[in-house]
Amino acid sequence: MQVAITGASGLIGRALAESLRAGGHAVRPLVRRPSDDPGAVRWDPVAGTLDAAALEGVDAVVHLAGAGIGDKRWSEARKRELHDSRTEGTGLLARTLAGLDRPPAVLLSGSAIGYYGSRGDDVLTEVSAPGDDFLAGLVQDWEAAAAPAVDTGIRTVHLRTGLVLARHGGILPRMALPFRCFVGGRLGSGRQWMSWVTLEDEVGAIRFLIDRDHVSGPVNVVAPEPVTNAELARALGTVLHRPAAVPVPAFAPRLLLGREMADGLLFASQRVRPDVLVGAGYGYAHTELTPALRAVLGR
């Protein structure tokens, strides 16, 4: 099987490419700069260019590219960059795939549980309504940009991913640092729900969905058991053998990041359930948080 991947140098993309290659599959990374990889495909979402001929006959495309949501403070210019890096890249890719003589059987396009906004204790599934904040609007536009692929009959899956737990990269090392320094604890009230998934299950779910011809549309890629932030803090303290007794007052990250960014990334409450993934029969490697953290952190 040949699988093209955008964002192949990112946390999820690297792990997915390694997993596919280990399974004997050919990986075709989409790259913006010259690469030594003979399977690389050149593209430039900003310029609107993509080597379409190089994608003829690939079996699946996994689209994970986009500017990092938490990498920089959300100025208005940065918010436009976050939005455009997703919608323009997705639109270019979807239009290109739709125009191929031999299009892929499936497009798995990155998305996020930010679609739902902050919803308190509500249980959220793939059929839940969208939220109304910046991230919710961004994700709605992001998913809509894949319409050309959908319209031409390519099976399209929107990977609404939650908090990805990985030992190296992503948010977990930053979350663990205060605990290692004995100053870890919940964020704000700690009552906000956090829907998580290990990197192993993120990759496993993507590979599973490539082969599930009957699954399309939004899929929540999260573990079946979301936790509150306070529960996450206690679990992380337990695994690292550190106390979780130093709560972080809400004003501190709001001052550091700006209120909109802090509320969107740290204090949003999203109690998400993976109904489609579970219903399709995906077998999780990690369903409970504490054992998952032990596995991820090598504890």
Protein backbone atom coordinates (compact mmCIF):
# COMPACT_ATOMS: atom_id res chain seq x y z
CA MET A 1 0.00 0.00 0.00
CA GLN A 2 1.19 3.52 -0.83
CA VAL A 3 0.25 6.21 1.68
CA ALA A 4 0.92 9.91 1.13
CA ILE A 5 1.30 11.98 4.32
CA THR A 6 1.33 15.74 4.82
CA GLY A 7 2.88 16.90 8.08
CA ALA A 8 5.10 13.80 8.03
CA SER A 9 7.78 15.59 10.07
CA GLY A 10 5.38 16.37 12.93
CA LEU A 11 4.72 14.32 16.06
CA ILE A 12 1.89 12.20 14.65
CA GLY A 13 3.18 12.15 11.07
CA ARG A 14 6.62 10.81 12.05
CA ALA A 15 5.14 8.07 14.20
CA LEU A 16 2.62 7.13 11.50
CA ALA A 17 5.28 6.97 8.79
CA GLU A 18 7.50 4.76 10.97
CA SER A 19 4.58 2.44 11.73
CA LEU A 20 3.59 2.14 8.07
CA ARG A 21 7.14 1.48 6.90
CA ALA A 22 7.60 -1.13 9.62
CA GLY A 23 4.49 -2.83 8.23
CA GLY A 24 5.98 -2.98 4.74
CA HIS A 25 4.03 -0.06 3.25
CA ALA A 26 5.43 2.73 1.07
CA VAL A 27 5.22 6.26 2.49
CA ARG A 28 5.16 9.34 0.27
CA PRO A 29 5.70 12.46 2.41
CA LEU A 30 4.52 15.78 1.01
CA VAL A 31 7.36 18.25 1.55
CA ARG A 32 7.86 21.96 1.01
CA ARG A 33 11.64 21.81 0.62
CA PRO A 34 13.93 19.47 -1.37
CA SER A 35 14.23 16.07 0.28
CA ASP A 36 16.55 13.08 0.00
CA ASP A 37 13.52 10.79 0.27
CA PRO A 38 12.94 9.33 -3.22
CA GLY A 39 9.23 9.05 -2.48
CA ALA A 40 8.78 12.69 -1.47
CA VAL A 41 6.18 14.82 -3.23
CA ARG A 42 6.68 18.60 -3.51
CA TRP A 43 3.92 20.99 -2.52
CA ASP A 44 3.52 24.57 -1.36
CA PRO A 45 0.11 25.36 0.15
CA VAL A 46 0.85 29.09 0.31
CA ALA A 47 1.71 29.27 -3.39
CA GLY A 48 -1.05 26.79 -4.23
CA THR A 49 1.24 24.31 -5.96
CA LEU A 50 1.26 20.52 -5.69
CA ASP A 51 2.82 17.85 -7.90
CA ALA A 52 -0.43 16.10 -8.77
CA ALA A 53 1.14 13.51 -11.06
CA ALA A 54 3.16 12.16 -8.13
CA LEU A 55 -0.07 11.31 -6.30
CA GLU A 56 -1.62 9.28 -9.12
CA GLY A 57 -2.33 5.79 -7.86
CA VAL A 58 -1.60 6.26 -4.16
CA ASP A 59 -3.94 4.16 -2.01
CA ALA A 60 -4.53 6.60 0.85
CA VAL A 61 -3.70 10.16 1.87
CA VAL A 62 -3.31 11.28 5.48
CA HIS A 63 -3.36 15.06 5.85
CA LEU A 64 -1.81 16.31 9.10
CA ALA A 65 -0.16 19.60 8.10
CA GLY A 66 -0.91 22.89 9.85
CA ALA A 67 0.76 25.53 12.00
CA GLY A 68 1.09 24.54 15.66
CA ILE A 69 -1.92 25.69 17.68
CA GLY A 70 0.06 26.22 20.89
CA ASP A 71 3.40 27.30 19.47
CA LYS A 72 2.88 31.07 19.61
CA ARG A 73 0.64 33.59 21.35
CA TRP A 74 -2.61 34.20 19.47
CA SER A 75 -2.30 37.63 17.91
CA GLU A 76 -4.80 38.39 15.16
CA ALA A 77 -2.07 37.68 12.60
CA ARG A 78 -1.26 34.36 14.25
CA LYS A 79 -4.93 33.35 14.28
CA ARG A 80 -5.13 34.04 10.54
CA GLU A 81 -2.02 31.92 10.05
CA LEU A 82 -3.51 29.05 12.08
CA HIS A 83 -6.71 29.25 10.06
CA ASP A 84 -5.17 29.66 6.61
CA SER A 85 -2.49 26.99 7.10
CA ARG A 86 -5.28 24.47 7.56
CA THR A 87 -7.95 25.62 5.15
CA GLU A 88 -5.64 26.51 2.25
CA GLY A 89 -3.60 23.32 2.53
CA THR A 90 -6.70 21.16 2.87
CA GLY A 91 -8.43 22.86 -0.05
CA LEU A 92 -5.39 22.50 -2.31
CA LEU A 93 -5.01 18.83 -1.44
CA ALA A 94 -8.72 18.04 -1.82
CA ARG A 95 -8.98 19.78 -5.20
CA THR A 96 -5.87 18.01 -6.44
CA LEU A 97 -7.07 14.57 -5.36
CA ALA A 98 -10.48 15.23 -6.91
CA GLY A 99 -8.84 15.89 -10.26
CA LEU A 100 -6.71 12.74 -10.42
CA ASP A 101 -7.38 10.00 -12.94
CA ARG A 102 -6.61 7.44 -10.21
CA PRO A 103 -7.58 9.09 -6.91
CA PRO A 104 -6.91 7.46 -3.55
CA ALA A 105 -9.59 5.34 -1.93
CA VAL A 106 -9.52 7.46 1.22
CA LEU A 107 -8.47 10.86 2.54
CA LEU A 108 -7.98 11.06 6.30
CA SER A 109 -7.86 14.75 7.08
CA GLY A 110 -6.67 16.25 10.34
CA SER A 111 -9.23 17.90 12.59
CA ALA A 112 -9.67 18.46 16.32
CA ILE A 113 -12.15 18.17 19.19
CA GLY A 114 -11.91 21.96 19.32
CA TYR A 115 -14.88 21.67 16.94
CA TYR A 116 -17.16 21.31 19.97
CA GLY A 117 -16.03 24.37 21.89
CA SER A 118 -16.11 24.41 25.69
CA ARG A 119 -19.19 22.50 26.85
CA GLY A 120 -18.89 21.90 30.58
CA ASP A 121 -20.03 18.42 31.61
CA ASP A 122 -21.90 17.66 28.38
CA VAL A 123 -20.98 14.35 26.77
CA LEU A 124 -19.94 15.07 23.17
CA THR A 125 -20.09 12.65 20.24
CA GLU A 126 -19.62 12.97 16.50
CA VAL A 127 -23.22 14.16 16.11
CA SER A 128 -22.93 16.96 18.69
CA ALA A 129 -23.31 20.55 17.51
CA PRO A 130 -20.23 22.74 17.00
CA GLY A 131 -19.09 25.40 19.43
CA ASP A 132 -18.90 29.11 18.73
CA ASP A 133 -15.38 30.16 19.72
CA PHE A 134 -12.28 30.73 17.57
CA LEU A 135 -11.12 27.10 17.55
CA ALA A 136 -14.60 25.79 16.80
CA GLY A 137 -14.88 28.11 13.80
CA LEU A 138 -11.40 27.18 12.61
CA VAL A 139 -12.17 23.45 12.75
CA GLN A 140 -15.49 23.88 10.93
CA ASP A 141 -13.75 25.74 8.09
CA TRP A 142 -10.92 23.16 8.12
CA GLU A 143 -13.32 20.27 7.64
CA ALA A 144 -15.36 22.16 5.02
CA ALA A 145 -12.23 22.72 2.94
CA ALA A 146 -12.12 18.98 2.18
CA ALA A 147 -15.44 19.21 0.29
CA PRO A 148 -13.95 18.74 -3.21
CA ALA A 149 -12.69 15.30 -2.21
CA VAL A 150 -16.04 14.39 -0.66
CA ASP A 151 -17.97 15.65 -3.69
CA THR A 152 -15.94 13.56 -6.10
CA GLY A 153 -16.60 10.38 -4.12
CA ILE A 154 -13.33 9.96 -2.20
CA ARG A 155 -14.10 8.51 1.22
CA THR A 156 -13.12 11.29 3.59
CA VAL A 157 -12.57 10.98 7.34
CA HIS A 158 -12.12 13.98 9.64
CA LEU A 159 -9.77 12.99 12.48
CA ARG A 160 -11.11 14.98 15.44
CA THR A 161 -8.11 14.39 17.67
CA GLY A 162 -7.89 15.18 21.36
CA LEU A 163 -4.88 15.72 23.63
CA VAL A 164 -2.13 13.43 22.27
CA LEU A 165 0.11 11.94 24.97
CA ALA A 166 3.67 11.24 23.82
CA ARG A 167 6.93 10.96 25.70
CA HIS A 168 8.86 13.18 23.32
CA GLY A 169 6.92 16.05 21.77
CA GLY A 170 3.44 17.41 22.12
CA ILE A 171 2.06 18.81 25.34
CA LEU A 172 2.90 16.05 27.84
CA PRO A 173 6.57 16.98 28.43
CA ARG A 174 5.49 20.56 29.16
CA MET A 175 2.78 19.33 31.52
CA ALA A 176 5.21 17.01 33.29
CA LEU A 177 7.92 19.61 33.90
CA PRO A 178 6.28 21.37 36.89
CA PHE A 179 5.63 17.98 38.52
CA ARG A 180 9.27 16.99 38.11
CA CYS A 181 10.12 20.25 39.89
CA PHE A 182 7.61 19.48 42.71
CA VAL A 183 5.27 22.34 41.75
CA GLY A 184 2.66 20.47 39.72
CA GLY A 185 -1.09 20.65 40.19
CA ARG A 186 -4.42 21.27 38.55
CA LEU A 187 -5.09 24.22 36.26
CA GLY A 188 -7.66 26.63 37.60
CA SER A 189 -10.62 24.81 39.14
CA GLY A 190 -9.49 21.52 37.60
CA ARG A 191 -13.10 20.70 36.71
CA GLN A 192 -12.61 21.09 32.96
CA TRP A 193 -12.80 17.81 31.04
CA MET A 194 -9.80 16.73 29.00
CA SER A 195 -10.14 14.11 26.27
CA TRP A 196 -6.84 12.37 25.63
CA VAL A 197 -5.31 9.65 23.45
CA THR A 198 -1.85 8.11 23.44
CA LEU A 199 0.32 8.55 20.36
CA GLU A 200 0.23 4.76 19.95
CA ASP A 201 -3.56 4.80 19.72
CA GLU A 202 -3.59 7.88 17.49
CA VAL A 203 -1.42 6.04 14.97
CA GLY A 204 -3.34 2.81 15.51
CA ALA A 205 -6.66 4.53 14.89
CA ILE A 206 -5.44 6.16 11.67
CA ARG A 207 -4.17 2.84 10.34
CA PHE A 208 -7.43 1.18 11.39
CA LEU A 209 -9.52 3.82 9.60
CA ILE A 210 -7.53 3.51 6.37
CA ASP A 211 -8.90 -0.01 6.04
CA ARG A 212 -12.51 0.62 7.15
CA ASP A 213 -14.37 1.26 3.92
CA HIS A 214 -17.66 1.94 5.73
CA VAL A 215 -16.36 4.77 7.94
CA SER A 216 -16.44 8.38 6.72
CA GLY A 217 -17.12 11.83 8.13
CA PRO A 218 -16.06 12.96 11.61
CA VAL A 219 -14.34 10.48 13.92
CA ASN A 220 -13.38 11.43 17.48
CA VAL A 221 -9.86 10.10 18.02
CA VAL A 222 -9.79 10.04 21.81
CA ALA A 223 -9.66 7.36 24.51
CA PRO A 224 -13.03 6.11 25.81
CA GLU A 225 -12.47 7.55 29.30
CA PRO A 226 -11.95 11.34 29.41
CA VAL A 227 -10.81 12.84 32.72
CA THR A 228 -11.01 16.17 34.46
CA ASN A 229 -7.90 18.29 34.66
CA ALA A 230 -7.69 17.58 38.39
CA GLU A 231 -7.79 13.84 37.70
CA LEU A 232 -5.08 14.22 35.08
CA ALA A 233 -2.91 16.14 37.54
CA ARG A 234 -3.31 13.45 40.20
CA ALA A 235 -2.51 10.69 37.70
CA LEU A 236 0.57 12.50 36.44
CA GLY A 237 1.77 13.08 40.01
CA THR A 238 1.24 9.41 40.83
CA VAL A 239 3.17 8.19 37.80
CA LEU A 240 6.05 10.63 38.38
CA HIS A 241 6.03 10.05 42.17
CA ARG A 242 5.45 13.71 42.80
CA PRO A 243 2.74 15.61 44.68
CA ALA A 244 -0.04 17.34 42.74
CA ALA A 245 -0.61 19.93 45.41
CA VAL A 246 0.25 23.27 43.76
CA PRO A 247 -2.74 24.47 41.74
CA VAL A 248 -2.10 26.99 38.99
CA PRO A 249 -4.49 29.94 39.32
CA ALA A 250 -6.34 30.71 36.10
CA PHE A 251 -5.02 34.28 35.91
CA ALA A 252 -1.41 33.11 35.43
CA PRO A 253 -1.75 31.33 32.05
CA ARG A 254 -4.27 33.95 30.94
CA LEU A 255 -1.67 36.62 31.63
CA LEU A 256 1.09 34.63 29.91
CA LEU A 257 -0.84 33.45 26.85
CA GLY A 258 -3.73 35.87 26.63
CA ARG A 259 -7.23 35.01 27.80
CA GLU A 260 -8.53 33.63 24.49
CA MET A 261 -5.61 31.26 23.96
CA ALA A 262 -5.51 30.09 27.59
CA ASP A 263 -9.25 29.49 27.70
CA GLY A 264 -9.20 27.70 24.34
CA LEU A 265 -6.28 25.40 25.10
CA LEU A 266 -6.14 24.99 28.88
CA PHE A 267 -9.55 25.71 30.35
CA ALA A 268 -11.94 24.49 27.65
CA SER A 269 -14.06 21.58 28.94
CA GLN A 270 -14.53 18.86 26.33
CA ARG A 271 -15.94 15.52 27.49
CA VAL A 272 -15.66 13.68 24.20
CA ARG A 273 -16.72 10.09 23.49
CA PRO A 274 -15.32 8.11 20.49
CA ASP A 275 -18.60 6.50 19.41
CA VAL A 276 -17.65 5.95 15.76
CA LEU A 277 -14.24 4.45 16.51
CA VAL A 278 -15.61 2.13 19.20
CA GLY A 279 -18.59 1.19 17.03
CA ALA A 280 -16.26 0.28 14.16
CA GLY A 281 -14.41 -2.14 16.45
CA TYR A 282 -11.10 -0.38 17.10
CA GLY A 283 -9.16 -2.10 19.90
CA TYR A 284 -7.42 0.46 22.10
CA ALA A 285 -3.97 -0.13 23.52
CA HIS A 286 -4.70 2.34 26.33
CA THR A 287 -8.15 3.09 27.76
CA GLU A 288 -7.32 4.30 31.29
CA LEU A 289 -5.17 7.33 31.99
CA THR A 290 -2.79 6.19 34.73
CA PRO A 291 -1.65 3.00 32.95
CA ALA A 292 -1.40 5.02 29.74
CA LEU A 293 0.87 7.59 31.37
CA ARG A 294 3.03 4.81 32.79
CA ALA A 295 3.38 3.30 29.32
CA VAL A 296 4.11 6.62 27.63
CA LEU A 297 6.59 7.83 30.24
CA GLY A 298 8.30 4.47 30.65
CA ARG A 299 7.23 4.11 34.26
